[in-house]
Amino acid sequence: APKRRRGVKSSSKPITGKIKSDDFTAAIAEIQKDSYVSSQQVADILVSTMQQAYLEWSYPGLFKDKDSTDPAKELIKCEVDFSNSFSKFCIYDIKTVTDEDDIVDDAYQISLEDALEINPKAKLGDTIKIKFDVTKLDKTYVRRVKQLFQSKLKEASKTAILSVYQDKIGELIEGTITRIEPDNSSYEVNFGKAQGFLKRNNKLSSDRFVVGDKVLVHLSDVSDKSNPPSLVISRTSKEFVEKLVRLNRT
């Protein structure tokens, strides 16, 4: 089969790969605090999005087509590495050292002759990392990284928040009234990273709250149909009364 050369890498305003490490680590910590996602998970999400964005940027006809069944899609790989101090990052194309006559696609294969110029110890069958010149990246790449990162972080945050509140199902939790229906028939209650609603059938007839009030409720379930997750709460359930009585006795 003839060799296929994929992708056109255009140049734009240079991206050096250098990072302000203090700002970077501070941003990771802030994201962790706001999303319930661990700093390691945040870093992993960033690396995976940078890798995906790079493949889409390098081979748009292949990786942007979600319905593509081209087997090369599973064979073309890259790697993003951050320095231990988070002061810079590098991107590498990952290729398999292949006999020149057997090369089908140089997007994931490299001849032994070319591989030896990169690593004098390379041999057929080895996987070799080829450093990419990140100054060739442009705003399209940066924009795609941002889009992917926000999307993946949102889903990871939702999963983390679900896990936190699912562990509290059956317990009494405290929230803050953030919105009230004009006829007082429903209260929106905020719990930090999730929210719930006290509706007519799950609030006491004597309940009268104003925005900003703290309210104690029983958490009976967590719904993952919204993002952030919605909590199923009550102040009229048997469990709420029992736990409230028990709480007042202690």
C-alpha atoms as a PDB file:
ATOM      1  CA  ALA A   1       0.000   0.000   0.000  1.00  0.00           C
ATOM      2  CA  PRO A   2       1.253   3.506  -0.760  1.00  0.00           C
ATOM      3  CA  LYS A   3       2.444   5.622   2.094  1.00  0.00           C
ATOM      4  CA  ARG A   4       0.002   8.250   3.322  1.00  0.00           C
ATOM      5  CA  ARG A   5       1.161  11.512   4.763  1.00  0.00           C
ATOM      6  CA  ARG A   6      -1.428  13.042   7.037  1.00  0.00           C
ATOM      7  CA  GLY A   7      -2.043  16.462   8.505  1.00  0.00           C
ATOM      8  CA  VAL A   8      -0.849  19.972   7.847  1.00  0.00           C
ATOM      9  CA  LYS A   9       0.643  21.772  10.818  1.00  0.00           C
ATOM     10  CA  SER A  10       0.356  25.532  10.330  1.00  0.00           C
ATOM     11  CA  SER A  11       2.351  28.120  12.227  1.00  0.00           C
ATOM     12  CA  SER A  12       0.981  31.088  14.174  1.00  0.00           C
ATOM     13  CA  LYS A  13       1.960  33.117  17.216  1.00  0.00           C
ATOM     14  CA  PRO A  14       4.568  30.916  18.945  1.00  0.00           C
ATOM     15  CA  ILE A  15       3.682  28.853  21.993  1.00  0.00           C
ATOM     16  CA  THR A  16       6.933  28.194  23.780  1.00  0.00           C
ATOM     17  CA  GLY A  17       5.808  25.452  26.136  1.00  0.00           C
ATOM     18  CA  LYS A  18       7.048  27.464  29.113  1.00  0.00           C
ATOM     19  CA  ILE A  19       4.696  27.840  32.091  1.00  0.00           C
ATOM     20  CA  LYS A  20       4.583  30.088  35.136  1.00  0.00           C
ATOM     21  CA  SER A  21       4.714  27.205  37.585  1.00  0.00           C
ATOM     22  CA  ASP A  22       3.431  29.159  40.595  1.00  0.00           C
ATOM     23  CA  ASP A  23       0.371  30.367  38.683  1.00  0.00           C
ATOM     24  CA  PHE A  24      -0.172  26.885  37.283  1.00  0.00           C
ATOM     25  CA  THR A  25      -0.138  25.098  40.642  1.00  0.00           C
ATOM     26  CA  ALA A  26      -2.328  27.823  42.180  1.00  0.00           C
ATOM     27  CA  ALA A  27      -4.854  27.402  39.364  1.00  0.00           C
ATOM     28  CA  ILE A  28      -4.903  23.615  39.855  1.00  0.00           C
ATOM     29  CA  ALA A  29      -5.537  24.094  43.588  1.00  0.00           C
ATOM     30  CA  GLU A  30      -8.363  26.544  42.913  1.00  0.00           C
ATOM     31  CA  ILE A  31     -10.004  24.200  40.397  1.00  0.00           C
ATOM     32  CA  GLN A  32      -9.734  21.337  42.889  1.00  0.00           C
ATOM     33  CA  LYS A  33     -11.457  23.440  45.533  1.00  0.00           C
ATOM     34  CA  ASP A  34     -14.286  24.526  43.237  1.00  0.00           C
ATOM     35  CA  SER A  35     -14.930  21.211  41.504  1.00  0.00           C
ATOM     36  CA  TYR A  36     -14.367  18.516  44.193  1.00  0.00           C
ATOM     37  CA  VAL A  37     -11.957  16.941  41.678  1.00  0.00           C
ATOM     38  CA  SER A  38      -8.515  16.060  43.066  1.00  0.00           C
ATOM     39  CA  SER A  39      -5.458  17.948  41.835  1.00  0.00           C
ATOM     40  CA  GLN A  40      -4.134  14.731  40.274  1.00  0.00           C
ATOM     41  CA  GLN A  41      -7.398  14.253  38.374  1.00  0.00           C
ATOM     42  CA  VAL A  42      -7.298  17.876  37.202  1.00  0.00           C
ATOM     43  CA  ALA A  43      -3.752  17.357  35.920  1.00  0.00           C
ATOM     44  CA  ASP A  44      -4.740  14.089  34.203  1.00  0.00           C
ATOM     45  CA  ILE A  45      -7.718  15.781  32.535  1.00  0.00           C
ATOM     46  CA  LEU A  46      -5.472  18.591  31.303  1.00  0.00           C
ATOM     47  CA  VAL A  47      -2.945  16.145  29.828  1.00  0.00           C
ATOM     48  CA  SER A  48      -5.639  14.057  28.094  1.00  0.00           C
ATOM     49  CA  THR A  49      -7.303  17.146  26.621  1.00  0.00           C
ATOM     50  CA  MET A  50      -3.979  18.506  25.373  1.00  0.00           C
ATOM     51  CA  GLN A  51      -3.306  15.155  23.719  1.00  0.00           C
ATOM     52  CA  GLN A  52      -6.749  14.966  22.121  1.00  0.00           C
ATOM     53  CA  ALA A  53      -6.578  18.587  20.942  1.00  0.00           C
ATOM     54  CA  TYR A  54      -3.142  17.958  19.435  1.00  0.00           C
ATOM     55  CA  LEU A  55      -4.359  14.940  17.458  1.00  0.00           C
ATOM     56  CA  GLU A  56      -7.396  16.874  16.230  1.00  0.00           C
ATOM     57  CA  TRP A  57      -5.187  19.815  15.283  1.00  0.00           C
ATOM     58  CA  SER A  58      -2.627  17.620  13.498  1.00  0.00           C
ATOM     59  CA  TYR A  59      -5.100  15.293  11.740  1.00  0.00           C
ATOM     60  CA  PRO A  60      -8.443  17.169  11.596  1.00  0.00           C
ATOM     61  CA  GLY A  61      -9.916  14.974   8.869  1.00  0.00           C
ATOM     62  CA  LEU A  62      -9.394  11.903  11.004  1.00  0.00           C
ATOM     63  CA  PHE A  63      -9.952  12.839  14.640  1.00  0.00           C
ATOM     64  CA  LYS A  64     -12.716  15.425  14.243  1.00  0.00           C
ATOM     65  CA  ASP A  65     -14.882  12.891  12.432  1.00  0.00           C
ATOM     66  CA  LYS A  66     -16.458  10.941  15.301  1.00  0.00           C
ATOM     67  CA  ASP A  67     -17.955   8.418  12.877  1.00  0.00           C
ATOM     68  CA  SER A  68     -14.646   7.609  11.213  1.00  0.00           C
ATOM     69  CA  THR A  69     -13.757   3.912  11.258  1.00  0.00           C
ATOM     70  CA  ASP A  70     -10.268   4.408   9.875  1.00  0.00           C
ATOM     71  CA  PRO A  71      -8.054   1.942  11.814  1.00  0.00           C
ATOM     72  CA  ALA A  72      -5.278   4.550  11.871  1.00  0.00           C
ATOM     73  CA  LYS A  73      -7.325   6.429  14.456  1.00  0.00           C
ATOM     74  CA  GLU A  74      -6.348   3.799  17.026  1.00  0.00           C
ATOM     75  CA  LEU A  75      -2.724   3.703  15.925  1.00  0.00           C
ATOM     76  CA  ILE A  76      -1.797   7.396  15.825  1.00  0.00           C
ATOM     77  CA  LYS A  77      -0.631   8.404  19.298  1.00  0.00           C
ATOM     78  CA  CYS A  78       0.975  11.323  21.051  1.00  0.00           C
ATOM     79  CA  GLU A  79       2.194  12.131  24.542  1.00  0.00           C
ATOM     80  CA  VAL A  80       2.194  15.314  26.606  1.00  0.00           C
ATOM     81  CA  ASP A  81       4.809  15.599  29.334  1.00  0.00           C
ATOM     82  CA  PHE A  82       5.087  18.261  32.027  1.00  0.00           C
ATOM     83  CA  SER A  83       8.324  18.906  33.863  1.00  0.00           C
ATOM     84  CA  ASN A  84       8.383  18.013  37.570  1.00  0.00           C
ATOM     85  CA  SER A  85       8.340  21.712  38.444  1.00  0.00           C
ATOM     86  CA  PHE A  86       5.472  22.414  36.016  1.00  0.00           C
ATOM     87  CA  SER A  87       7.620  25.057  34.365  1.00  0.00           C
ATOM     88  CA  LYS A  88       7.232  23.687  30.831  1.00  0.00           C
ATOM     89  CA  PHE A  89       5.524  21.025  28.725  1.00  0.00           C
ATOM     90  CA  CYS A  90       6.526  19.002  25.671  1.00  0.00           C
ATOM     91  CA  ILE A  91       4.493  17.130  23.061  1.00  0.00           C
ATOM     92  CA  TYR A  92       5.761  13.965  21.413  1.00  0.00           C
ATOM     93  CA  ASP A  93       4.529  12.003  18.420  1.00  0.00           C
ATOM     94  CA  ILE A  94       4.660   8.280  19.195  1.00  0.00           C
ATOM     95  CA  LYS A  95       5.723   6.052  16.293  1.00  0.00           C
ATOM     96  CA  THR A  96       6.687   2.426  15.767  1.00  0.00           C
ATOM     97  CA  VAL A  97      10.031   1.648  14.148  1.00  0.00           C
ATOM     98  CA  THR A  98       9.166  -0.239  10.944  1.00  0.00           C
ATOM     99  CA  ASP A  99      11.091  -1.619   8.007  1.00  0.00           C
ATOM    100  CA  GLU A 100      11.108   0.995   5.251  1.00  0.00           C
ATOM    101  CA  ASP A 101       9.393  -1.338   2.783  1.00  0.00           C
ATOM    102  CA  ASP A 102       6.590  -2.108   5.268  1.00  0.00           C
ATOM    103  CA  ILE A 103       5.659   1.470   6.148  1.00  0.00           C
ATOM    104  CA  VAL A 104       2.032   2.184   5.299  1.00  0.00           C
ATOM    105  CA  ASP A 105       1.391   5.407   7.195  1.00  0.00           C
ATOM    106  CA  ASP A 106       4.128   7.682   8.525  1.00  0.00           C
ATOM    107  CA  ALA A 107       1.676   9.187  11.015  1.00  0.00           C
ATOM    108  CA  TYR A 108       2.385   6.226  13.310  1.00  0.00           C
ATOM    109  CA  GLN A 109       5.362   4.505  11.651  1.00  0.00           C
ATOM    110  CA  ILE A 110       8.989   5.540  11.197  1.00  0.00           C
ATOM    111  CA  SER A 111      11.823   3.874   9.320  1.00  0.00           C
ATOM    112  CA  LEU A 112      14.734   2.386  11.228  1.00  0.00           C
ATOM    113  CA  GLU A 113      17.104   4.786   9.468  1.00  0.00           C
ATOM    114  CA  ASP A 114      15.151   7.848  10.665  1.00  0.00           C
ATOM    115  CA  ALA A 115      14.670   6.369  14.134  1.00  0.00           C
ATOM    116  CA  LEU A 116      18.403   5.873  14.589  1.00  0.00           C
ATOM    117  CA  GLU A 117      18.932   9.610  14.090  1.00  0.00           C
ATOM    118  CA  ILE A 118      16.705  10.201  17.117  1.00  0.00           C
ATOM    119  CA  ASN A 119      17.826   7.246  19.221  1.00  0.00           C
ATOM    120  CA  PRO A 120      21.023   5.424  18.218  1.00  0.00           C
ATOM    121  CA  LYS A 121      19.812   2.340  20.123  1.00  0.00           C
ATOM    122  CA  ALA A 122      16.500   2.070  18.248  1.00  0.00           C
ATOM    123  CA  LYS A 123      15.591  -1.218  16.616  1.00  0.00           C
ATOM    124  CA  LEU A 124      12.691  -2.590  14.591  1.00  0.00           C
ATOM    125  CA  GLY A 125       9.514  -2.893  16.621  1.00  0.00           C
ATOM    126  CA  ASP A 126      10.496  -0.239  19.150  1.00  0.00           C
ATOM    127  CA  THR A 127       8.214   2.645  20.024  1.00  0.00           C
ATOM    128  CA  ILE A 128       9.933   5.962  19.671  1.00  0.00           C
ATOM    129  CA  LYS A 129       9.019   9.455  20.923  1.00  0.00           C
ATOM    130  CA  ILE A 130       9.563  12.307  18.484  1.00  0.00           C
ATOM    131  CA  LYS A 131       9.541  15.762  20.030  1.00  0.00           C
ATOM    132  CA  PHE A 132       7.171  18.165  18.318  1.00  0.00           C
ATOM    133  CA  ASP A 133       8.017  21.840  17.924  1.00  0.00           C
ATOM    134  CA  VAL A 134       5.240  23.403  20.025  1.00  0.00           C
ATOM    135  CA  THR A 135       5.937  26.862  18.544  1.00  0.00           C
ATOM    136  CA  LYS A 136       3.969  25.626  15.515  1.00  0.00           C
ATOM    137  CA  LEU A 137       0.790  25.398  17.585  1.00  0.00           C
ATOM    138  CA  ASP A 138      -1.755  28.194  17.184  1.00  0.00           C
ATOM    139  CA  LYS A 139      -4.842  29.702  18.802  1.00  0.00           C
ATOM    140  CA  THR A 140      -7.021  26.970  17.310  1.00  0.00           C
ATOM    141  CA  TYR A 141      -5.194  24.424  19.428  1.00  0.00           C
ATOM    142  CA  VAL A 142      -5.406  26.544  22.595  1.00  0.00           C
ATOM    143  CA  ARG A 143      -9.120  27.137  22.057  1.00  0.00           C
ATOM    144  CA  ARG A 144      -9.792  23.425  21.596  1.00  0.00           C
ATOM    145  CA  VAL A 145      -7.818  22.541  24.742  1.00  0.00           C
ATOM    146  CA  LYS A 146      -9.957  24.991  26.692  1.00  0.00           C
ATOM    147  CA  GLN A 147     -13.212  23.557  25.274  1.00  0.00           C
ATOM    148  CA  LEU A 148     -12.253  19.959  25.977  1.00  0.00           C
ATOM    149  CA  PHE A 149     -10.873  20.740  29.436  1.00  0.00           C
ATOM    150  CA  GLN A 150     -14.019  22.563  30.544  1.00  0.00           C
ATOM    151  CA  SER A 151     -16.241  19.766  29.240  1.00  0.00           C
ATOM    152  CA  LYS A 152     -14.256  16.937  30.838  1.00  0.00           C
ATOM    153  CA  LEU A 153     -13.804  18.823  34.111  1.00  0.00           C
ATOM    154  CA  LYS A 154     -17.546  19.476  34.277  1.00  0.00           C
ATOM    155  CA  GLU A 155     -18.288  15.759  33.952  1.00  0.00           C
ATOM    156  CA  ALA A 156     -15.571  14.813  36.441  1.00  0.00           C
ATOM    157  CA  SER A 157     -16.911  17.392  38.881  1.00  0.00           C
ATOM    158  CA  LYS A 158     -20.423  16.036  38.499  1.00  0.00           C
ATOM    159  CA  THR A 159     -19.198  12.506  39.239  1.00  0.00           C
ATOM    160  CA  ALA A 160     -17.227  13.701  42.276  1.00  0.00           C
ATOM    161  CA  ILE A 161     -20.155  15.684  43.655  1.00  0.00           C
ATOM    162  CA  LEU A 162     -22.508  12.744  43.125  1.00  0.00           C
ATOM    163  CA  SER A 163     -20.122  10.541  45.081  1.00  0.00           C
ATOM    164  CA  VAL A 164     -19.951  13.027  47.978  1.00  0.00           C
ATOM    165  CA  TYR A 165     -23.715  13.350  48.350  1.00  0.00           C
ATOM    166  CA  GLN A 166     -24.533   9.714  47.640  1.00  0.00           C
ATOM    167  CA  ASP A 167     -22.487   8.898  50.731  1.00  0.00           C
ATOM    168  CA  LYS A 168     -24.795  11.209  52.701  1.00  0.00           C
ATOM    169  CA  ILE A 169     -28.092   9.688  51.570  1.00  0.00           C
ATOM    170  CA  GLY A 170     -30.224   9.008  54.644  1.00  0.00           C
ATOM    171  CA  GLU A 171     -28.581  11.770  56.676  1.00  0.00           C
ATOM    172  CA  LEU A 172     -29.670  15.259  57.743  1.00  0.00           C
ATOM    173  CA  ILE A 173     -27.818  17.971  55.825  1.00  0.00           C
ATOM    174  CA  GLU A 174     -27.908  21.747  56.058  1.00  0.00           C
ATOM    175  CA  GLY A 175     -28.452  24.066  53.129  1.00  0.00           C
ATOM    176  CA  THR A 176     -29.172  27.727  52.420  1.00  0.00           C
ATOM    177  CA  ILE A 177     -32.388  29.125  50.954  1.00  0.00           C
ATOM    178  CA  THR A 178     -31.486  30.844  47.679  1.00  0.00           C
ATOM    179  CA  ARG A 179     -34.845  31.370  45.970  1.00  0.00           C
ATOM    180  CA  ILE A 180     -38.513  31.384  46.985  1.00  0.00           C
ATOM    181  CA  GLU A 181     -41.612  31.014  44.825  1.00  0.00           C
ATOM    182  CA  PRO A 182     -43.927  34.053  45.171  1.00  0.00           C
ATOM    183  CA  ASP A 183     -46.622  31.953  46.892  1.00  0.00           C
ATOM    184  CA  ASN A 184     -44.077  30.259  49.198  1.00  0.00           C
ATOM    185  CA  SER A 185     -44.991  26.914  47.626  1.00  0.00           C
ATOM    186  CA  SER A 186     -41.368  26.006  46.873  1.00  0.00           C
ATOM    187  CA  TYR A 187     -37.911  26.846  48.168  1.00  0.00           C
ATOM    188  CA  GLU A 188     -34.640  26.397  46.281  1.00  0.00           C
ATOM    189  CA  VAL A 189     -31.955  25.189  48.675  1.00  0.00           C
ATOM    190  CA  ASN A 190     -28.239  25.410  47.921  1.00  0.00           C
ATOM    191  CA  PHE A 191     -25.759  22.945  49.432  1.00  0.00           C
ATOM    192  CA  GLY A 192     -22.557  24.366  48.004  1.00  0.00           C
ATOM    193  CA  LYS A 193     -22.012  22.161  44.969  1.00  0.00           C
ATOM    194  CA  ALA A 194     -25.550  20.856  44.595  1.00  0.00           C
ATOM    195  CA  GLN A 195     -29.084  22.077  45.020  1.00  0.00           C
ATOM    196  CA  GLY A 196     -32.499  20.759  45.942  1.00  0.00           C
ATOM    197  CA  PHE A 197     -36.102  21.939  46.215  1.00  0.00           C
ATOM    198  CA  LEU A 198     -38.451  21.938  49.145  1.00  0.00           C
ATOM    199  CA  LYS A 199     -41.826  21.710  47.479  1.00  0.00           C
ATOM    200  CA  ARG A 200     -45.302  21.851  48.959  1.00  0.00           C
ATOM    201  CA  ASN A 201     -45.466  18.104  49.660  1.00  0.00           C
ATOM    202  CA  ASN A 202     -42.075  17.846  51.383  1.00  0.00           C
ATOM    203  CA  LYS A 203     -42.031  20.933  53.588  1.00  0.00           C
ATOM    204  CA  LEU A 204     -43.819  21.578  56.848  1.00  0.00           C
ATOM    205  CA  SER A 205     -46.949  23.725  56.724  1.00  0.00           C
ATOM    206  CA  SER A 206     -45.350  25.963  59.324  1.00  0.00           C
ATOM    207  CA  ASP A 207     -42.159  26.475  57.315  1.00  0.00           C
ATOM    208  CA  ARG A 208     -41.555  30.155  56.580  1.00  0.00           C
ATOM    209  CA  PHE A 209     -38.113  30.998  55.280  1.00  0.00           C
ATOM    210  CA  VAL A 210     -36.406  33.977  53.684  1.00  0.00           C
ATOM    211  CA  VAL A 211     -33.457  33.983  51.295  1.00  0.00           C
ATOM    212  CA  GLY A 212     -30.276  33.347  53.245  1.00  0.00           C
ATOM    213  CA  ASP A 213     -31.878  31.213  55.954  1.00  0.00           C
ATOM    214  CA  LYS A 214     -30.180  27.956  56.943  1.00  0.00           C
ATOM    215  CA  VAL A 215     -32.440  24.919  56.774  1.00  0.00           C
ATOM    216  CA  LEU A 216     -32.004  21.329  57.918  1.00  0.00           C
ATOM    217  CA  VAL A 217     -33.387  18.639  55.600  1.00  0.00           C
ATOM    218  CA  HIS A 218     -33.297  14.879  55.097  1.00  0.00           C
ATOM    219  CA  LEU A 219     -31.412  13.713  51.996  1.00  0.00           C
ATOM    220  CA  SER A 220     -33.316  10.809  50.461  1.00  0.00           C
ATOM    221  CA  ASP A 221     -31.727  10.573  47.016  1.00  0.00           C
ATOM    222  CA  VAL A 222     -29.424  12.220  44.477  1.00  0.00           C
ATOM    223  CA  SER A 223     -30.377  12.800  40.841  1.00  0.00           C
ATOM    224  CA  ASP A 224     -27.691  12.789  38.167  1.00  0.00           C
ATOM    225  CA  LYS A 225     -30.001  14.185  35.464  1.00  0.00           C
ATOM    226  CA  SER A 226     -28.759  17.726  36.010  1.00  0.00           C
ATOM    227  CA  ASN A 227     -25.351  19.330  36.357  1.00  0.00           C
ATOM    228  CA  PRO A 228     -24.717  20.194  39.131  1.00  0.00           C
ATOM    229  CA  PRO A 229     -26.594  17.225  40.619  1.00  0.00           C
ATOM    230  CA  SER A 230     -30.014  17.776  42.190  1.00  0.00           C
ATOM    231  CA  LEU A 231     -30.712  16.515  45.693  1.00  0.00           C
ATOM    232  CA  VAL A 232     -34.031  14.962  46.673  1.00  0.00           C
ATOM    233  CA  ILE A 233     -34.761  16.463  50.093  1.00  0.00           C
ATOM    234  CA  SER A 234     -37.599  16.532  52.591  1.00  0.00           C
ATOM    235  CA  ARG A 235     -38.712  17.988  55.923  1.00  0.00           C
ATOM    236  CA  THR A 236     -41.828  15.847  56.196  1.00  0.00           C
ATOM    237  CA  SER A 237     -40.517  12.308  55.811  1.00  0.00           C
ATOM    238  CA  LYS A 238     -40.581   9.818  58.667  1.00  0.00           C
ATOM    239  CA  GLU A 239     -36.783   9.623  58.518  1.00  0.00           C
ATOM    240  CA  PHE A 240     -36.456  13.406  58.931  1.00  0.00           C
ATOM    241  CA  VAL A 241     -38.619  13.397  62.062  1.00  0.00           C
ATOM    242  CA  GLU A 242     -36.793  10.415  63.584  1.00  0.00           C
ATOM    243  CA  LYS A 243     -33.332  11.834  62.966  1.00  0.00           C
ATOM    244  CA  LEU A 244     -34.347  15.286  64.148  1.00  0.00           C
ATOM    245  CA  VAL A 245     -35.675  13.860  67.418  1.00  0.00           C
ATOM    246  CA  ARG A 246     -32.503  11.821  67.851  1.00  0.00           C
ATOM    247  CA  LEU A 247     -30.384  14.912  67.117  1.00  0.00           C
ATOM    248  CA  ASN A 248     -32.236  16.978  69.727  1.00  0.00           C
ATOM    249  CA  ARG A 249     -31.680  14.298  72.359  1.00  0.00           C
ATOM    250  CA  THR A 250     -27.901  14.359  71.970  1.00  0.00           C
END
